[in-house]
Amino acid sequence: MDTGLLIKHIHDSLEKKANNELRDKDLTLMQVPILIKLKHAVNREMTMKEIEHRFHVAQSTTAGIVSRMKKEVCKDIWS
């Protein structure tokens, strides 16, 4: 097997395992470093553009991540 493909399979397996373990906390592996960065940010705020640049993700990916995080926060507030 090609080394690159093997590394991808390992990465995908580890990511799946991590996401499964975070599911009961309503988190994903991508949300964790964003929350950590927000915790240490000035006023605990970051723009979506800052998240895009810091984590090297597309605007659409950032919008999806932030939308899901906001949904969870609102769910916690209203439940």
N, C-alpha and C. Protein backbone atom coordinates (compact mmCIF):
# COMPACT_ATOMS: atom_id res chain seq x y z
N MET A 1 0.86 -1.18 0.00
CA MET A 1 0.00 0.00 0.00
C MET A 1 0.90 1.24 0.00
N ASP A 2 0.48 2.24 -0.74
CA ASP A 2 1.19 3.51 -0.80
C ASP A 2 1.23 4.15 0.59
N THR A 3 2.38 4.68 0.97
CA THR A 3 2.56 5.28 2.30
C THR A 3 1.58 6.42 2.53
N GLY A 4 1.39 7.26 1.53
CA GLY A 4 0.45 8.38 1.66
C GLY A 4 -0.97 7.91 1.92
N LEU A 5 -1.37 6.87 1.22
CA LEU A 5 -2.71 6.31 1.41
C LEU A 5 -2.86 5.71 2.80
N LEU A 6 -1.81 5.05 3.26
CA LEU A 6 -1.82 4.47 4.61
C LEU A 6 -1.96 5.57 5.67
N ILE A 7 -1.22 6.65 5.50
CA ILE A 7 -1.30 7.78 6.43
C ILE A 7 -2.72 8.36 6.43
N LYS A 8 -3.32 8.47 5.24
CA LYS A 8 -4.69 8.99 5.15
C LYS A 8 -5.67 8.07 5.87
N HIS A 9 -5.52 6.77 5.71
CA HIS A 9 -6.40 5.82 6.40
C HIS A 9 -6.25 5.93 7.92
N ILE A 10 -5.02 6.07 8.38
CA ILE A 10 -4.78 6.23 9.82
C ILE A 10 -5.42 7.51 10.32
N HIS A 11 -5.20 8.61 9.59
CA HIS A 11 -5.79 9.90 9.96
C HIS A 11 -7.31 9.81 10.02
N ASP A 12 -7.92 9.22 8.99
CA ASP A 12 -9.37 9.11 8.95
C ASP A 12 -9.91 8.27 10.12
N SER A 13 -9.21 7.20 10.44
CA SER A 13 -9.62 6.34 11.56
C SER A 13 -9.53 7.07 12.89
N LEU A 14 -8.42 7.80 13.09
CA LEU A 14 -8.26 8.55 14.34
C LEU A 14 -9.30 9.67 14.45
N GLU A 15 -9.57 10.34 13.34
CA GLU A 15 -10.57 11.41 13.34
C GLU A 15 -11.95 10.85 13.66
N LYS A 16 -12.30 9.72 13.07
CA LYS A 16 -13.59 9.09 13.34
C LYS A 16 -13.72 8.71 14.81
N LYS A 17 -12.66 8.11 15.36
CA LYS A 17 -12.67 7.71 16.77
C LYS A 17 -12.83 8.93 17.67
N ALA A 18 -12.08 9.99 17.39
CA ALA A 18 -12.16 11.21 18.20
C ALA A 18 -13.56 11.82 18.13
N ASN A 19 -14.13 11.90 16.94
CA ASN A 19 -15.47 12.46 16.79
C ASN A 19 -16.51 11.62 17.52
N ASN A 20 -16.35 10.30 17.49
CA ASN A 20 -17.27 9.43 18.22
C ASN A 20 -17.18 9.67 19.73
N GLU A 21 -15.97 9.88 20.22
CA GLU A 21 -15.80 10.13 21.65
C GLU A 21 -16.29 11.52 22.07
N LEU A 22 -16.25 12.47 21.14
CA LEU A 22 -16.71 13.83 21.45
C LEU A 22 -18.22 14.00 21.27
N ARG A 23 -18.85 13.05 20.61
CA ARG A 23 -20.27 13.17 20.27
C ARG A 23 -21.14 13.39 21.51
N ASP A 24 -20.85 12.69 22.61
CA ASP A 24 -21.69 12.86 23.81
C ASP A 24 -21.56 14.24 24.43
N LYS A 25 -20.55 15.00 24.02
CA LYS A 25 -20.37 16.38 24.49
C LYS A 25 -20.87 17.38 23.44
N ASP A 26 -21.52 16.85 22.39
CA ASP A 26 -22.01 17.67 21.28
C ASP A 26 -20.91 18.50 20.65
N LEU A 27 -19.72 17.89 20.49
CA LEU A 27 -18.58 18.55 19.87
C LEU A 27 -18.04 17.71 18.73
N THR A 28 -17.29 18.37 17.85
CA THR A 28 -16.54 17.65 16.81
C THR A 28 -15.06 17.98 16.99
N LEU A 29 -14.23 17.20 16.37
CA LEU A 29 -12.79 17.40 16.47
C LEU A 29 -12.38 18.78 15.96
N MET A 30 -13.07 19.31 14.97
CA MET A 30 -12.73 20.64 14.44
C MET A 30 -13.14 21.75 15.39
N GLN A 31 -14.20 21.53 16.18
CA GLN A 31 -14.67 22.57 17.08
C GLN A 31 -13.74 22.77 18.28
N VAL A 32 -13.08 21.72 18.72
CA VAL A 32 -12.26 21.79 19.93
C VAL A 32 -11.16 22.85 19.83
N PRO A 33 -10.30 22.83 18.79
CA PRO A 33 -9.26 23.87 18.74
C PRO A 33 -9.83 25.28 18.56
N ILE A 34 -10.98 25.40 17.93
CA ILE A 34 -11.61 26.71 17.79
C ILE A 34 -12.06 27.21 19.16
N LEU A 35 -12.68 26.34 19.94
CA LEU A 35 -13.10 26.73 21.29
C LEU A 35 -11.90 27.10 22.17
N ILE A 36 -10.82 26.37 22.04
CA ILE A 36 -9.61 26.68 22.81
C ILE A 36 -9.07 28.04 22.41
N LYS A 37 -9.03 28.31 21.11
CA LYS A 37 -8.54 29.61 20.63
C LYS A 37 -9.46 30.73 21.09
N LEU A 38 -10.78 30.49 21.05
CA LEU A 38 -11.73 31.50 21.52
C LEU A 38 -11.55 31.78 23.01
N LYS A 39 -11.27 30.76 23.77
CA LYS A 39 -11.08 30.92 25.22
C LYS A 39 -9.96 31.91 25.52
N HIS A 40 -8.92 31.90 24.68
CA HIS A 40 -7.75 32.75 24.92
C HIS A 40 -7.76 34.04 24.11
N ALA A 41 -8.80 34.24 23.29
CA ALA A 41 -8.89 35.44 22.46
C ALA A 41 -9.37 36.63 23.28
N VAL A 42 -9.03 37.82 22.83
CA VAL A 42 -9.49 39.05 23.48
C VAL A 42 -11.02 39.04 23.50
N ASN A 43 -11.58 39.25 24.67
CA ASN A 43 -13.05 39.23 24.86
C ASN A 43 -13.69 37.92 24.42
N ARG A 44 -12.86 36.89 24.28
CA ARG A 44 -13.33 35.57 23.83
C ARG A 44 -14.12 35.67 22.52
N GLU A 45 -13.59 36.50 21.62
CA GLU A 45 -14.23 36.72 20.32
C GLU A 45 -13.22 36.57 19.19
N MET A 46 -13.69 36.04 18.08
CA MET A 46 -12.92 35.97 16.84
C MET A 46 -13.90 36.16 15.70
N THR A 47 -13.45 36.81 14.65
CA THR A 47 -14.30 36.91 13.47
C THR A 47 -14.22 35.59 12.71
N MET A 48 -15.18 35.38 11.86
CA MET A 48 -15.15 34.17 11.04
C MET A 48 -13.93 34.19 10.13
N LYS A 49 -13.56 35.36 9.66
CA LYS A 49 -12.37 35.51 8.81
C LYS A 49 -11.12 35.08 9.58
N GLU A 50 -11.03 35.45 10.87
CA GLU A 50 -9.88 35.03 11.69
C GLU A 50 -9.85 33.51 11.84
N ILE A 51 -11.01 32.91 12.02
CA ILE A 51 -11.07 31.45 12.13
C ILE A 51 -10.62 30.81 10.82
N GLU A 52 -11.10 31.34 9.70
CA GLU A 52 -10.70 30.82 8.38
C GLU A 52 -9.18 30.82 8.24
N HIS A 53 -8.57 31.95 8.54
CA HIS A 53 -7.12 32.09 8.37
C HIS A 53 -6.35 31.24 9.37
N ARG A 54 -6.77 31.26 10.62
CA ARG A 54 -6.04 30.54 11.67
C ARG A 54 -6.07 29.03 11.46
N PHE A 55 -7.21 28.51 10.99
CA PHE A 55 -7.36 27.07 10.85
C PHE A 55 -7.31 26.58 9.40
N HIS A 56 -7.03 27.51 8.49
CA HIS A 56 -6.85 27.16 7.08
C HIS A 56 -8.06 26.39 6.52
N VAL A 57 -9.25 26.96 6.76
CA VAL A 57 -10.47 26.35 6.24
C VAL A 57 -11.22 27.37 5.39
N ALA A 58 -12.04 26.85 4.50
CA ALA A 58 -12.81 27.70 3.60
C ALA A 58 -13.90 28.44 4.36
N GLN A 59 -14.39 29.52 3.76
CA GLN A 59 -15.46 30.31 4.37
C GLN A 59 -16.69 29.44 4.60
N SER A 60 -17.02 28.58 3.65
CA SER A 60 -18.21 27.72 3.79
C SER A 60 -18.04 26.73 4.95
N THR A 61 -16.83 26.21 5.12
CA THR A 61 -16.55 25.29 6.23
C THR A 61 -16.68 26.03 7.56
N THR A 62 -16.10 27.22 7.62
CA THR A 62 -16.18 28.04 8.84
C THR A 62 -17.64 28.34 9.17
N ALA A 63 -18.41 28.73 8.18
CA ALA A 63 -19.83 29.04 8.40
C ALA A 63 -20.57 27.83 8.97
N GLY A 64 -20.28 26.65 8.45
CA GLY A 64 -20.93 25.43 8.94
C GLY A 64 -20.55 25.12 10.38
N ILE A 65 -19.26 25.24 10.68
CA ILE A 65 -18.77 24.97 12.04
C ILE A 65 -19.40 25.93 13.03
N VAL A 66 -19.36 27.23 12.71
CA VAL A 66 -19.90 28.26 13.60
C VAL A 66 -21.41 28.09 13.76
N SER A 67 -22.09 27.77 12.69
CA SER A 67 -23.54 27.58 12.74
C SER A 67 -23.90 26.43 13.69
N ARG A 68 -23.18 25.31 13.58
CA ARG A 68 -23.46 24.17 14.46
C ARG A 68 -23.13 24.51 15.92
N MET A 69 -22.05 25.26 16.13
CA MET A 69 -21.69 25.65 17.49
C MET A 69 -22.75 26.58 18.08
N LYS A 70 -23.24 27.53 17.30
CA LYS A 70 -24.28 28.44 17.78
C LYS A 70 -25.56 27.68 18.09
N LYS A 71 -25.88 26.71 17.26
CA LYS A 71 -27.08 25.90 17.46
C LYS A 71 -27.01 25.16 18.80
N GLU A 72 -25.84 24.61 19.12
CA GLU A 72 -25.66 23.90 20.38
C GLU A 72 -25.76 24.85 21.57
N VAL A 73 -25.17 26.04 21.45
CA VAL A 73 -25.24 27.01 22.53
C VAL A 73 -26.69 27.42 22.77
N CYS A 74 -27.41 27.69 21.70
CA CYS A 74 -28.82 28.10 21.83
C CYS A 74 -29.64 26.96 22.42
N LYS A 75 -29.36 25.74 22.03
CA LYS A 75 -30.07 24.58 22.57
C LYS A 75 -29.86 24.50 24.09
N ASP A 76 -28.61 24.72 24.53
CA ASP A 76 -28.30 24.67 25.96
C ASP A 76 -28.99 25.79 26.72
N ILE A 77 -29.04 26.97 26.13
CA ILE A 77 -29.67 28.13 26.79
C ILE A 77 -31.15 27.91 26.97
N TRP A 78 -31.82 27.37 25.95
CA TRP A 78 -33.28 27.26 25.97
C TRP A 78 -33.77 25.94 26.54
N SER A 79 -32.89 25.04 26.88
CA SER A 79 -33.38 23.75 27.42
C SER A 79 -33.40 23.74 28.92
